[in-house]
Amino acid sequence: MTTVEFQAKVENGVIMVPQKYQQDLAEVSTIKIILLKQSEKQTMQFHIIDELAQNPISVPGIRSITREQMHER
């Protein structure tokens, strides 16, 4: 058994399988599916974190430290 994990949107009760996995499924007659439903609130929090990671906000008075400084004891 091969395990594949991906995120997909549900539209009108239909889950779209990403293109890169569709060929593998063309030759299979039965699959096992486990759904992990994510609430809209959780999804929004991840989008905010992703956006902040891509576009960090500078905060006055906060200085950046190096990895070595962070792990000094």
Protein backbone atom coordinates (compact mmCIF):
# COMPACT_ATOMS: atom_id res chain seq x y z
CA MET A 1 0.00 0.00 0.00
CA THR A 2 1.31 3.44 -0.93
CA THR A 3 0.48 6.52 1.13
CA VAL A 4 -0.09 9.90 -0.52
CA GLU A 5 -0.91 13.09 1.36
CA PHE A 6 -2.21 16.32 -0.14
CA GLN A 7 -4.54 19.21 0.65
CA ALA A 8 -7.53 19.86 -1.55
CA LYS A 9 -10.57 22.07 -1.63
CA VAL A 10 -14.03 20.52 -1.65
CA GLU A 11 -16.42 21.98 -4.22
CA ASN A 12 -20.01 20.71 -4.24
CA GLY A 13 -18.91 17.60 -2.35
CA VAL A 14 -16.19 16.74 -4.88
CA ILE A 15 -12.53 16.44 -3.88
CA MET A 16 -10.13 17.21 -6.71
CA VAL A 17 -7.09 14.92 -6.80
CA PRO A 18 -3.93 16.81 -7.85
CA GLN A 19 -2.84 16.14 -11.43
CA LYS A 20 0.41 14.47 -10.38
CA TYR A 21 -1.51 11.64 -8.63
CA GLN A 22 -4.26 11.09 -11.20
CA GLN A 23 -2.21 8.77 -13.43
CA ASP A 24 -1.42 6.49 -10.47
CA LEU A 25 -5.13 6.22 -9.67
CA ALA A 26 -6.17 5.41 -13.24
CA GLU A 27 -5.04 1.80 -12.82
CA VAL A 28 -6.45 1.28 -9.29
CA SER A 29 -9.98 0.01 -8.67
CA THR A 30 -10.21 0.66 -4.90
CA ILE A 31 -8.58 3.20 -2.61
CA LYS A 32 -8.77 3.96 1.11
CA ILE A 33 -9.41 7.59 2.05
CA ILE A 34 -8.98 9.23 5.45
CA LEU A 35 -10.35 12.78 5.71
CA LEU A 36 -9.03 15.33 8.19
CA LYS A 37 -11.47 18.22 8.09
CA GLN A 38 -9.97 21.63 8.82
CA SER A 39 -12.19 24.45 10.03
CA GLU A 40 -12.15 27.78 8.20
CA LYS A 41 -10.69 29.44 11.32
CA GLN A 42 -7.72 27.03 11.36
CA THR A 43 -7.19 27.50 7.63
CA MET A 44 -7.18 31.29 8.03
CA GLN A 45 -4.56 31.12 10.83
CA PHE A 46 -2.23 29.13 8.59
CA HIS A 47 -2.67 31.63 5.77
CA ILE A 48 -1.75 34.49 8.11
CA ILE A 49 1.37 32.66 9.32
CA ASP A 50 2.36 31.88 5.73
CA GLU A 51 1.91 35.51 4.72
CA LEU A 52 3.95 36.78 7.67
CA ALA A 53 6.72 34.31 6.87
CA GLN A 54 6.81 35.62 3.30
CA ASN A 55 6.48 39.31 4.33
CA PRO A 56 7.87 39.85 7.85
CA ILE A 57 6.85 42.99 9.70
CA SER A 58 9.56 45.15 11.30
CA VAL A 59 8.80 46.07 14.90
CA PRO A 60 10.63 49.07 16.42
CA GLY A 61 12.85 48.07 19.36
CA ILE A 62 13.13 44.41 18.32
CA ARG A 63 16.56 43.31 17.09
CA SER A 64 17.41 40.23 15.09
CA ILE A 65 19.75 37.66 16.61
CA THR A 66 21.81 34.95 14.99
CA ARG A 67 21.17 31.25 15.42
CA GLU A 68 24.26 30.97 17.62
CA GLN A 69 23.04 33.78 19.88
CA MET A 70 19.65 32.14 20.13
CA HIS A 71 21.13 28.84 21.33
CA GLU A 72 23.73 30.27 23.74
CA ARG A 73 23.42 29.03 27.30
